Amino acid sequence: MLIELSRSLGITVVVVTHELPSIFAIAQRVIMLDKSVKNIIATGHPEELRDRSDNAFVRDFFNRQAEERRTAAGGERV
């Protein structure tokens, strides 16, 4: 619904979430904030941040779902 509204009305939608499936489904651009530094630590497309971020914390955040699935399936955490 958010994507449809954004496209049909030509508006920008801001969503605040930690839920990875939602981020990957609807986000074209992500801004990641870090409370400890009180600043933006990453911006970009979710896949770009997951695969190529220079910041290990950012990569870990966007890859945590795959890691959680491996752990739940009995695999070792990398």
N, C-alpha and C. Protein backbone atom coordinates (compact mmCIF):
# COMPACT_ATOMS: atom_id res chain seq x y z
N MET A 1 0.82 -1.18 0.00
CA MET A 1 0.00 0.00 0.00
C MET A 1 0.87 1.26 0.00
N LEU A 2 1.94 1.25 0.80
CA LEU A 2 2.82 2.43 0.84
C LEU A 2 3.47 2.69 -0.51
N ILE A 3 3.93 1.65 -1.16
CA ILE A 3 4.57 1.80 -2.47
C ILE A 3 3.57 2.34 -3.47
N GLU A 4 2.37 1.79 -3.47
CA GLU A 4 1.33 2.23 -4.40
C GLU A 4 0.98 3.69 -4.18
N LEU A 5 0.82 4.10 -2.93
CA LEU A 5 0.52 5.51 -2.62
C LEU A 5 1.66 6.42 -3.06
N SER A 6 2.87 6.02 -2.79
CA SER A 6 4.02 6.82 -3.15
C SER A 6 4.08 7.04 -4.66
N ARG A 7 3.88 5.97 -5.40
CA ARG A 7 3.94 6.07 -6.87
C ARG A 7 2.76 6.85 -7.43
N SER A 8 1.57 6.56 -6.98
CA SER A 8 0.39 7.21 -7.56
C SER A 8 0.29 8.68 -7.20
N LEU A 9 0.74 9.06 -6.01
CA LEU A 9 0.65 10.45 -5.58
C LEU A 9 1.95 11.22 -5.77
N GLY A 10 3.01 10.50 -6.10
CA GLY A 10 4.30 11.15 -6.29
C GLY A 10 4.87 11.73 -5.01
N ILE A 11 4.67 11.01 -3.91
CA ILE A 11 5.12 11.51 -2.61
C ILE A 11 6.23 10.62 -2.04
N THR A 12 6.95 11.18 -1.11
CA THR A 12 7.96 10.43 -0.38
C THR A 12 7.33 9.92 0.91
N VAL A 13 7.62 8.68 1.26
CA VAL A 13 7.10 8.08 2.48
C VAL A 13 8.29 7.76 3.38
N VAL A 14 8.19 8.15 4.64
CA VAL A 14 9.24 7.85 5.62
C VAL A 14 8.71 6.78 6.56
N VAL A 15 9.46 5.70 6.69
CA VAL A 15 9.09 4.59 7.55
C VAL A 15 10.23 4.37 8.54
N VAL A 16 9.90 4.24 9.80
CA VAL A 16 10.90 3.95 10.83
C VAL A 16 10.69 2.51 11.27
N THR A 17 11.71 1.65 11.04
CA THR A 17 11.57 0.25 11.38
C THR A 17 12.93 -0.41 11.53
N HIS A 18 12.94 -1.52 12.27
CA HIS A 18 14.11 -2.38 12.36
C HIS A 18 13.83 -3.69 11.63
N GLU A 19 12.64 -3.83 11.07
CA GLU A 19 12.19 -5.07 10.45
C GLU A 19 12.76 -5.22 9.04
N LEU A 20 13.70 -6.12 8.89
CA LEU A 20 14.39 -6.28 7.62
C LEU A 20 13.48 -6.61 6.43
N PRO A 21 12.50 -7.51 6.56
CA PRO A 21 11.65 -7.78 5.39
C PRO A 21 10.96 -6.51 4.87
N SER A 22 10.51 -5.66 5.78
CA SER A 22 9.88 -4.41 5.36
C SER A 22 10.88 -3.49 4.68
N ILE A 23 12.08 -3.40 5.24
CA ILE A 23 13.11 -2.54 4.65
C ILE A 23 13.40 -2.97 3.22
N PHE A 24 13.64 -4.27 3.02
CA PHE A 24 13.98 -4.75 1.69
C PHE A 24 12.80 -4.70 0.72
N ALA A 25 11.59 -4.78 1.23
CA ALA A 25 10.41 -4.76 0.36
C ALA A 25 10.05 -3.36 -0.11
N ILE A 26 10.23 -2.34 0.73
CA ILE A 26 9.71 -1.02 0.37
C ILE A 26 10.75 0.08 0.22
N ALA A 27 11.93 -0.09 0.77
CA ALA A 27 12.89 1.02 0.78
C ALA A 27 13.68 1.12 -0.51
N GLN A 28 13.77 2.33 -1.02
CA GLN A 28 14.67 2.64 -2.13
C GLN A 28 15.94 3.29 -1.58
N ARG A 29 15.80 3.91 -0.42
CA ARG A 29 16.94 4.55 0.24
C ARG A 29 16.76 4.41 1.74
N VAL A 30 17.84 4.05 2.42
CA VAL A 30 17.83 3.86 3.86
C VAL A 30 18.78 4.89 4.49
N ILE A 31 18.38 5.43 5.60
CA ILE A 31 19.26 6.25 6.42
C ILE A 31 19.36 5.54 7.76
N MET A 32 20.56 5.14 8.12
CA MET A 32 20.77 4.40 9.36
C MET A 32 21.39 5.31 10.40
N LEU A 33 20.75 5.38 11.55
CA LEU A 33 21.22 6.20 12.65
C LEU A 33 21.87 5.33 13.71
N ASP A 34 22.82 5.88 14.43
CA ASP A 34 23.47 5.17 15.52
C ASP A 34 23.37 6.04 16.77
N LYS A 35 22.68 5.52 17.77
CA LYS A 35 22.46 6.25 19.01
C LYS A 35 23.77 6.58 19.71
N SER A 36 24.75 5.69 19.65
CA SER A 36 25.99 5.92 20.39
C SER A 36 26.79 7.10 19.84
N VAL A 37 26.72 7.34 18.53
CA VAL A 37 27.43 8.48 17.96
C VAL A 37 26.50 9.66 17.67
N LYS A 38 25.19 9.40 17.87
CA LYS A 38 24.15 10.44 17.67
C LYS A 38 24.27 11.08 16.29
N ASN A 39 24.35 10.20 15.27
CA ASN A 39 24.52 10.69 13.92
C ASN A 39 24.13 9.61 12.91
N ILE A 40 24.09 10.01 11.65
CA ILE A 40 23.86 9.08 10.55
C ILE A 40 25.15 8.31 10.31
N ILE A 41 25.04 6.99 10.21
CA ILE A 41 26.24 6.19 9.95
C ILE A 41 26.22 5.54 8.56
N ALA A 42 25.06 5.56 7.90
CA ALA A 42 24.99 4.97 6.56
C ALA A 42 23.77 5.48 5.82
N THR A 43 23.92 5.63 4.52
CA THR A 43 22.79 5.92 3.65
C THR A 43 22.99 5.13 2.36
N GLY A 44 21.89 4.71 1.77
CA GLY A 44 21.97 4.00 0.51
C GLY A 44 20.85 2.99 0.35
N HIS A 45 20.90 2.25 -0.72
CA HIS A 45 19.92 1.19 -0.99
C HIS A 45 20.20 0.03 -0.04
N PRO A 46 19.17 -0.64 0.47
CA PRO A 46 19.37 -1.71 1.45
C PRO A 46 20.35 -2.80 1.00
N GLU A 47 20.24 -3.25 -0.26
CA GLU A 47 21.14 -4.29 -0.74
C GLU A 47 22.58 -3.80 -0.79
N GLU A 48 22.76 -2.54 -1.17
CA GLU A 48 24.10 -1.96 -1.22
C GLU A 48 24.72 -1.92 0.18
N LEU A 49 23.92 -1.51 1.16
CA LEU A 49 24.42 -1.45 2.54
C LEU A 49 24.72 -2.85 3.07
N ARG A 50 23.88 -3.81 2.73
CA ARG A 50 24.08 -5.19 3.18
C ARG A 50 25.35 -5.79 2.59
N ASP A 51 25.59 -5.53 1.32
CA ASP A 51 26.66 -6.22 0.60
C ASP A 51 27.98 -5.46 0.53
N ARG A 52 27.92 -4.11 0.58
CA ARG A 52 29.15 -3.36 0.31
C ARG A 52 29.46 -2.22 1.28
N SER A 53 28.77 -2.14 2.39
CA SER A 53 29.06 -1.05 3.33
C SER A 53 30.47 -1.20 3.89
N ASP A 54 31.14 -0.06 4.07
CA ASP A 54 32.46 -0.06 4.70
C ASP A 54 32.36 -0.25 6.21
N ASN A 55 31.16 -0.08 6.75
CA ASN A 55 30.93 -0.15 8.19
C ASN A 55 30.45 -1.56 8.57
N ALA A 56 31.23 -2.26 9.38
CA ALA A 56 30.89 -3.64 9.77
C ALA A 56 29.57 -3.71 10.53
N PHE A 57 29.27 -2.72 11.36
CA PHE A 57 28.02 -2.69 12.11
C PHE A 57 26.83 -2.64 11.15
N VAL A 58 26.95 -1.83 10.11
CA VAL A 58 25.88 -1.72 9.10
C VAL A 58 25.71 -3.04 8.37
N ARG A 59 26.80 -3.62 7.90
CA ARG A 59 26.72 -4.92 7.21
C ARG A 59 26.10 -5.97 8.11
N ASP A 60 26.52 -6.02 9.37
CA ASP A 60 25.97 -7.00 10.32
C ASP A 60 24.48 -6.80 10.52
N PHE A 61 24.04 -5.56 10.62
CA PHE A 61 22.61 -5.27 10.80
C PHE A 61 21.80 -5.82 9.63
N PHE A 62 22.24 -5.53 8.42
CA PHE A 62 21.48 -5.95 7.23
C PHE A 62 21.63 -7.43 6.91
N ASN A 63 22.61 -8.09 7.48
CA ASN A 63 22.80 -9.52 7.26
C ASN A 63 22.29 -10.37 8.42
N ARG A 64 21.74 -9.76 9.45
CA ARG A 64 21.36 -10.51 10.65
C ARG A 64 20.25 -11.52 10.39
N GLN A 65 19.36 -11.26 9.48
CA GLN A 65 18.27 -12.19 9.22
C GLN A 65 18.80 -13.53 8.70
N ALA A 66 19.75 -13.48 7.78
CA ALA A 66 20.34 -14.72 7.26
C ALA A 66 21.06 -15.45 8.37
N GLU A 67 21.76 -14.71 9.23
CA GLU A 67 22.49 -15.33 10.34
C GLU A 67 21.51 -15.96 11.33
N GLU A 68 20.40 -15.28 11.62
CA GLU A 68 19.40 -15.82 12.54
C GLU A 68 18.80 -17.11 11.99
N ARG A 69 18.58 -17.16 10.68
CA ARG A 69 18.03 -18.38 10.07
C ARG A 69 19.01 -19.53 10.18
N ARG A 70 20.31 -19.26 9.94
CA ARG A 70 21.33 -20.31 10.07
C ARG A 70 21.37 -20.86 11.49
N THR A 71 21.33 -19.95 12.47
CA THR A 71 21.39 -20.34 13.88
C THR A 71 20.15 -21.17 14.23
N ALA A 72 18.97 -20.75 13.78
CA ALA A 72 17.73 -21.47 14.08
C ALA A 72 17.73 -22.86 13.43
N ALA A 73 18.43 -22.99 12.31
CA ALA A 73 18.47 -24.28 11.62
C ALA A 73 19.56 -25.18 12.18
N GLY A 74 20.27 -24.70 13.20
CA GLY A 74 21.30 -25.52 13.82
C GLY A 74 22.68 -25.31 13.25
N GLY A 75 22.81 -24.36 12.33
CA GLY A 75 24.12 -24.06 11.76
C GLY A 75 24.96 -23.20 12.68
N GLU A 76 26.23 -23.18 12.41
CA GLU A 76 27.13 -22.37 13.22
C GLU A 76 27.06 -20.92 12.78
N ARG A 77 27.21 -20.02 13.74
CA ARG A 77 27.28 -18.60 13.42
C ARG A 77 28.67 -18.28 12.92
N VAL A 78 28.74 -17.49 11.90
CA VAL A 78 30.03 -17.13 11.30
C VAL A 78 30.55 -15.87 11.95
